[in-house]
Amino acid sequence: MYFHESTTRPTKQLLPGVLARTFWGEKMLLSLVDLHPHAVIPPHSHPHEQIGMCLEGEFGFTIGDETHRVTVGDVVFIPAGAAHSYENTGDGAFEFLCIVPNQEDKVTIVGEGC
């Protein structure tokens, strides 16, 4: 299937106040993430590279020991294996993440592939 309506995709709560909708193919994953006010994603890492963009709101993003305030239009690159965390610092935030290669554990979040 080539086309998907993102607003009707089922969501999965990853953490309190963190909801994700995922879409994937054989070699990449797209994750749309809603961060409720004051939602926190604690430090963690993945064996995959990630790139994301803030589409709405703002949040504090930490990669390694560097923290940056991410706002609408900002792009964040997360190297493979880099520890990272983020916290919604406003009323709400929305971002998308592209992960290459496909992150197997995230594919199982929603259940159906693209």
N, C-alpha and C. Protein backbone atom coordinates (compact mmCIF):
# COMPACT_ATOMS: atom_id res chain seq x y z
N MET A 1 0.85 -1.17 0.00
CA MET A 1 0.00 0.00 0.00
C MET A 1 0.90 1.24 0.00
N TYR A 2 0.62 2.19 -0.88
CA TYR A 2 1.47 3.36 -1.03
C TYR A 2 1.02 4.59 -0.23
N PHE A 3 -0.26 4.73 0.01
CA PHE A 3 -0.78 5.94 0.63
C PHE A 3 -1.48 5.61 1.94
N HIS A 4 -1.31 6.49 2.93
CA HIS A 4 -1.88 6.26 4.25
C HIS A 4 -2.42 7.58 4.81
N GLU A 5 -3.50 7.52 5.52
CA GLU A 5 -4.07 8.68 6.20
C GLU A 5 -3.55 8.66 7.63
N SER A 6 -2.64 9.58 7.94
CA SER A 6 -1.98 9.54 9.25
C SER A 6 -2.94 9.77 10.41
N THR A 7 -3.97 10.56 10.21
CA THR A 7 -4.89 10.87 11.31
C THR A 7 -5.76 9.69 11.72
N THR A 8 -5.89 8.69 10.86
CA THR A 8 -6.71 7.52 11.21
C THR A 8 -5.86 6.33 11.66
N ARG A 9 -4.56 6.49 11.65
CA ARG A 9 -3.67 5.41 12.07
C ARG A 9 -3.81 5.20 13.58
N PRO A 10 -3.92 3.96 14.05
CA PRO A 10 -3.99 3.72 15.49
C PRO A 10 -2.74 4.23 16.21
N THR A 11 -2.92 4.71 17.43
CA THR A 11 -1.80 5.18 18.23
C THR A 11 -1.48 4.17 19.33
N LYS A 12 -0.27 4.26 19.79
CA LYS A 12 0.20 3.44 20.91
C LYS A 12 0.86 4.36 21.91
N GLN A 13 0.49 4.23 23.19
CA GLN A 13 1.14 5.02 24.23
C GLN A 13 2.47 4.36 24.56
N LEU A 14 3.56 5.09 24.30
CA LEU A 14 4.90 4.57 24.58
C LEU A 14 5.29 4.80 26.02
N LEU A 15 4.94 5.98 26.52
CA LEU A 15 5.19 6.39 27.90
C LEU A 15 4.04 7.33 28.27
N PRO A 16 3.88 7.67 29.54
CA PRO A 16 2.83 8.62 29.89
C PRO A 16 2.98 9.92 29.09
N GLY A 17 1.94 10.28 28.35
CA GLY A 17 1.95 11.50 27.56
C GLY A 17 2.71 11.43 26.25
N VAL A 18 3.13 10.23 25.85
CA VAL A 18 3.86 10.06 24.60
C VAL A 18 3.12 9.03 23.74
N LEU A 19 2.52 9.52 22.64
CA LEU A 19 1.75 8.67 21.74
C LEU A 19 2.44 8.61 20.39
N ALA A 20 2.46 7.44 19.74
CA ALA A 20 3.12 7.29 18.46
C ALA A 20 2.22 6.58 17.46
N ARG A 21 2.36 6.99 16.20
CA ARG A 21 1.76 6.30 15.06
C ARG A 21 2.93 5.96 14.14
N THR A 22 3.05 4.69 13.73
CA THR A 22 4.20 4.28 12.94
C THR A 22 3.78 3.78 11.56
N PHE A 23 4.69 4.00 10.61
CA PHE A 23 4.52 3.57 9.23
C PHE A 23 5.88 3.05 8.79
N TRP A 24 5.93 1.92 8.06
CA TRP A 24 7.23 1.37 7.72
C TRP A 24 7.20 0.58 6.43
N GLY A 25 8.38 0.44 5.90
CA GLY A 25 8.62 -0.41 4.74
C GLY A 25 9.70 -1.40 5.10
N GLU A 26 10.37 -1.94 4.10
CA GLU A 26 11.41 -2.93 4.36
C GLU A 26 12.64 -2.34 5.03
N LYS A 27 12.97 -1.08 4.70
CA LYS A 27 14.24 -0.53 5.15
C LYS A 27 14.14 0.76 5.95
N MET A 28 12.95 1.26 6.20
CA MET A 28 12.84 2.49 6.99
C MET A 28 11.54 2.52 7.77
N LEU A 29 11.52 3.39 8.76
CA LEU A 29 10.37 3.56 9.64
C LEU A 29 10.11 5.04 9.82
N LEU A 30 8.85 5.43 9.76
CA LEU A 30 8.44 6.80 10.07
C LEU A 30 7.55 6.72 11.30
N SER A 31 7.87 7.53 12.28
CA SER A 31 7.09 7.56 13.52
C SER A 31 6.59 8.98 13.75
N LEU A 32 5.29 9.15 13.90
CA LEU A 32 4.69 10.43 14.25
C LEU A 32 4.44 10.40 15.75
N VAL A 33 5.02 11.36 16.46
CA VAL A 33 5.01 11.32 17.92
C VAL A 33 4.31 12.56 18.47
N ASP A 34 3.30 12.35 19.30
CA ASP A 34 2.61 13.41 20.03
C ASP A 34 3.16 13.44 21.45
N LEU A 35 3.65 14.61 21.87
CA LEU A 35 4.17 14.78 23.22
C LEU A 35 3.22 15.69 23.99
N HIS A 36 2.54 15.16 24.96
CA HIS A 36 1.64 15.96 25.78
C HIS A 36 2.45 16.91 26.67
N PRO A 37 1.81 17.92 27.23
CA PRO A 37 2.54 18.86 28.10
C PRO A 37 3.35 18.14 29.18
N HIS A 38 4.60 18.51 29.29
CA HIS A 38 5.54 18.00 30.31
C HIS A 38 5.87 16.51 30.16
N ALA A 39 5.54 15.92 29.00
CA ALA A 39 5.91 14.52 28.77
C ALA A 39 7.43 14.41 28.69
N VAL A 40 7.95 13.31 29.20
CA VAL A 40 9.40 13.09 29.24
C VAL A 40 9.72 11.73 28.62
N ILE A 41 10.70 11.72 27.74
CA ILE A 41 11.26 10.46 27.24
C ILE A 41 12.66 10.37 27.84
N PRO A 42 12.86 9.42 28.75
CA PRO A 42 14.14 9.34 29.47
C PRO A 42 15.29 8.94 28.54
N PRO A 43 16.53 9.11 29.02
CA PRO A 43 17.69 8.75 28.20
C PRO A 43 17.63 7.29 27.74
N HIS A 44 17.93 7.10 26.46
CA HIS A 44 17.96 5.77 25.86
C HIS A 44 18.77 5.85 24.57
N SER A 45 19.03 4.73 23.95
CA SER A 45 19.75 4.72 22.67
C SER A 45 19.21 3.59 21.80
N HIS A 46 19.51 3.67 20.51
CA HIS A 46 19.11 2.67 19.53
C HIS A 46 20.31 2.36 18.63
N PRO A 47 20.34 1.19 18.04
CA PRO A 47 21.44 0.88 17.12
C PRO A 47 21.24 1.51 15.74
N HIS A 48 20.18 2.30 15.57
CA HIS A 48 19.84 2.88 14.28
C HIS A 48 20.00 4.40 14.28
N GLU A 49 20.35 4.96 13.12
CA GLU A 49 20.33 6.41 12.96
C GLU A 49 18.88 6.88 12.94
N GLN A 50 18.66 8.10 13.43
CA GLN A 50 17.33 8.70 13.40
C GLN A 50 17.48 10.15 12.97
N ILE A 51 16.46 10.64 12.28
CA ILE A 51 16.39 12.05 11.98
C ILE A 51 14.94 12.46 12.19
N GLY A 52 14.74 13.61 12.81
CA GLY A 52 13.38 14.05 13.12
C GLY A 52 13.23 15.53 12.93
N MET A 53 11.98 15.96 12.88
CA MET A 53 11.67 17.38 12.74
C MET A 53 10.51 17.72 13.65
N CYS A 54 10.63 18.86 14.33
CA CYS A 54 9.54 19.37 15.16
C CYS A 54 8.52 20.02 14.24
N LEU A 55 7.29 19.53 14.29
CA LEU A 55 6.22 20.07 13.45
C LEU A 55 5.32 21.03 14.19
N GLU A 56 5.33 20.93 15.53
CA GLU A 56 4.43 21.75 16.34
C GLU A 56 4.97 21.82 17.76
N GLY A 57 4.87 22.97 18.40
CA GLY A 57 5.30 23.11 19.79
C GLY A 57 6.80 23.27 19.92
N GLU A 58 7.31 22.88 21.06
CA GLU A 58 8.75 22.92 21.33
C GLU A 58 9.08 21.92 22.42
N PHE A 59 10.32 21.46 22.41
CA PHE A 59 10.76 20.54 23.45
C PHE A 59 12.25 20.63 23.63
N GLY A 60 12.71 20.24 24.80
CA GLY A 60 14.13 20.18 25.08
C GLY A 60 14.65 18.82 24.65
N PHE A 61 15.71 18.80 23.86
CA PHE A 61 16.25 17.55 23.33
C PHE A 61 17.71 17.45 23.74
N THR A 62 18.08 16.32 24.30
CA THR A 62 19.47 16.09 24.72
C THR A 62 20.04 14.91 23.95
N ILE A 63 21.21 15.12 23.36
CA ILE A 63 21.96 14.04 22.72
C ILE A 63 23.34 14.05 23.37
N GLY A 64 23.69 12.94 24.00
CA GLY A 64 24.95 12.90 24.75
C GLY A 64 24.87 13.91 25.88
N ASP A 65 25.80 14.87 25.91
CA ASP A 65 25.77 15.89 26.96
C ASP A 65 25.36 17.26 26.42
N GLU A 66 24.79 17.29 25.19
CA GLU A 66 24.37 18.55 24.57
C GLU A 66 22.84 18.64 24.55
N THR A 67 22.31 19.73 25.12
CA THR A 67 20.86 19.96 25.14
C THR A 67 20.54 21.18 24.28
N HIS A 68 19.43 21.09 23.55
CA HIS A 68 19.02 22.17 22.67
C HIS A 68 17.50 22.31 22.75
N ARG A 69 17.01 23.54 22.69
CA ARG A 69 15.57 23.79 22.62
C ARG A 69 15.16 23.65 21.15
N VAL A 70 14.31 22.67 20.87
CA VAL A 70 13.88 22.39 19.51
C VAL A 70 12.51 23.03 19.30
N THR A 71 12.38 23.81 18.22
CA THR A 71 11.12 24.48 17.90
C THR A 71 10.69 24.10 16.48
N VAL A 72 9.53 24.57 16.08
CA VAL A 72 8.95 24.22 14.78
C VAL A 72 9.96 24.45 13.66
N GLY A 73 10.13 23.42 12.85
CA GLY A 73 11.04 23.49 11.72
C GLY A 73 12.44 23.00 12.00
N ASP A 74 12.81 22.87 13.28
CA ASP A 74 14.14 22.38 13.62
C ASP A 74 14.26 20.89 13.31
N VAL A 75 15.42 20.51 12.82
CA VAL A 75 15.71 19.11 12.50
C VAL A 75 16.76 18.60 13.47
N VAL A 76 16.58 17.38 13.95
CA VAL A 76 17.50 16.75 14.89
C VAL A 76 18.03 15.46 14.27
N PHE A 77 19.35 15.30 14.25
CA PHE A 77 19.97 14.07 13.78
C PHE A 77 20.53 13.33 14.99
N ILE A 78 20.17 12.06 15.13
CA ILE A 78 20.64 11.24 16.25
C ILE A 78 21.51 10.12 15.67
N PRO A 79 22.81 10.16 15.93
CA PRO A 79 23.68 9.09 15.41
C PRO A 79 23.32 7.73 16.02
N ALA A 80 23.62 6.67 15.31
CA ALA A 80 23.40 5.32 15.82
C ALA A 80 24.11 5.15 17.15
N GLY A 81 23.40 4.62 18.13
CA GLY A 81 23.99 4.34 19.44
C GLY A 81 24.10 5.51 20.38
N ALA A 82 23.75 6.72 19.94
CA ALA A 82 23.88 7.91 20.80
C ALA A 82 22.76 7.95 21.84
N ALA A 83 23.11 8.18 23.10
CA ALA A 83 22.11 8.34 24.15
C ALA A 83 21.39 9.66 23.91
N HIS A 84 20.06 9.64 24.03
CA HIS A 84 19.26 10.84 23.81
C HIS A 84 18.00 10.79 24.67
N SER A 85 17.47 11.98 24.95
CA SER A 85 16.24 12.10 25.74
C SER A 85 15.57 13.40 25.35
N TYR A 86 14.28 13.53 25.66
CA TYR A 86 13.63 14.80 25.45
C TYR A 86 12.45 15.01 26.38
N GLU A 87 12.09 16.29 26.53
CA GLU A 87 11.00 16.69 27.42
C GLU A 87 10.22 17.82 26.75
N ASN A 88 8.90 17.68 26.75
CA ASN A 88 8.05 18.73 26.22
C ASN A 88 8.11 19.91 27.18
N THR A 89 8.53 21.06 26.68
CA THR A 89 8.67 22.24 27.52
C THR A 89 7.55 23.25 27.31
N GLY A 90 6.58 22.91 26.47
CA GLY A 90 5.48 23.83 26.19
C GLY A 90 4.14 23.18 26.45
N ASP A 91 3.13 23.64 25.72
CA ASP A 91 1.77 23.14 25.90
C ASP A 91 1.54 21.82 25.20
N GLY A 92 2.28 21.52 24.20
CA GLY A 92 2.13 20.29 23.43
C GLY A 92 3.14 20.33 22.30
N ALA A 93 3.53 19.18 21.81
CA ALA A 93 4.50 19.14 20.73
C ALA A 93 4.21 17.95 19.85
N PHE A 94 4.65 18.06 18.61
CA PHE A 94 4.43 17.00 17.63
C PHE A 94 5.67 16.91 16.76
N GLU A 95 6.17 15.71 16.56
CA GLU A 95 7.35 15.54 15.73
C GLU A 95 7.22 14.29 14.89
N PHE A 96 8.04 14.22 13.87
CA PHE A 96 8.15 12.96 13.16
C PHE A 96 9.59 12.52 13.17
N LEU A 97 9.78 11.21 13.20
CA LEU A 97 11.12 10.61 13.20
C LEU A 97 11.21 9.63 12.05
N CYS A 98 12.30 9.67 11.32
CA CYS A 98 12.59 8.68 10.30
C CYS A 98 13.77 7.86 10.81
N ILE A 99 13.62 6.55 10.79
CA ILE A 99 14.63 5.67 11.35
C ILE A 99 15.09 4.69 10.27
N VAL A 100 16.39 4.64 10.04
CA VAL A 100 16.96 3.75 9.04
C VAL A 100 18.15 3.03 9.65
N PRO A 101 18.28 1.71 9.53
CA PRO A 101 17.28 0.84 8.91
C PRO A 101 16.08 0.67 9.81
N ASN A 102 15.09 -0.02 9.32
CA ASN A 102 13.85 -0.23 10.04
C ASN A 102 14.12 -0.73 11.46
N GLN A 103 13.48 -0.11 12.42
CA GLN A 103 13.68 -0.46 13.83
C GLN A 103 12.63 -1.50 14.21
N GLU A 104 13.03 -2.76 14.25
CA GLU A 104 12.10 -3.87 14.43
C GLU A 104 11.17 -3.71 15.62
N ASP A 105 11.67 -3.22 16.76
CA ASP A 105 10.81 -3.12 17.94
C ASP A 105 9.71 -2.09 17.75
N LYS A 106 9.93 -1.05 16.93
CA LYS A 106 8.90 -0.04 16.70
C LYS A 106 7.84 -0.54 15.72
N VAL A 107 8.21 -1.45 14.82
CA VAL A 107 7.24 -1.99 13.87
C VAL A 107 6.13 -2.71 14.60
N THR A 108 6.43 -3.34 15.71
CA THR A 108 5.42 -4.08 16.45
C THR A 108 4.53 -3.18 17.31
N ILE A 109 4.82 -1.88 17.36
CA ILE A 109 4.01 -0.97 18.18
C ILE A 109 2.57 -0.95 17.73
N VAL A 110 2.34 -0.82 16.43
CA VAL A 110 0.98 -0.69 15.92
C VAL A 110 0.46 -2.00 15.38
N GLY A 111 1.28 -2.77 14.73
CA GLY A 111 0.85 -4.08 14.29
C GLY A 111 0.80 -4.28 12.80
N GLU A 112 0.18 -3.38 12.05
CA GLU A 112 0.06 -3.55 10.61
C GLU A 112 1.11 -2.71 9.91
N GLY A 113 1.72 -3.28 8.90
CA GLY A 113 2.70 -2.54 8.11
C GLY A 113 2.03 -1.66 7.08
N CYS A 114 2.83 -1.01 6.28
CA CYS A 114 2.30 -0.14 5.23
C CYS A 114 1.77 -0.90 4.08
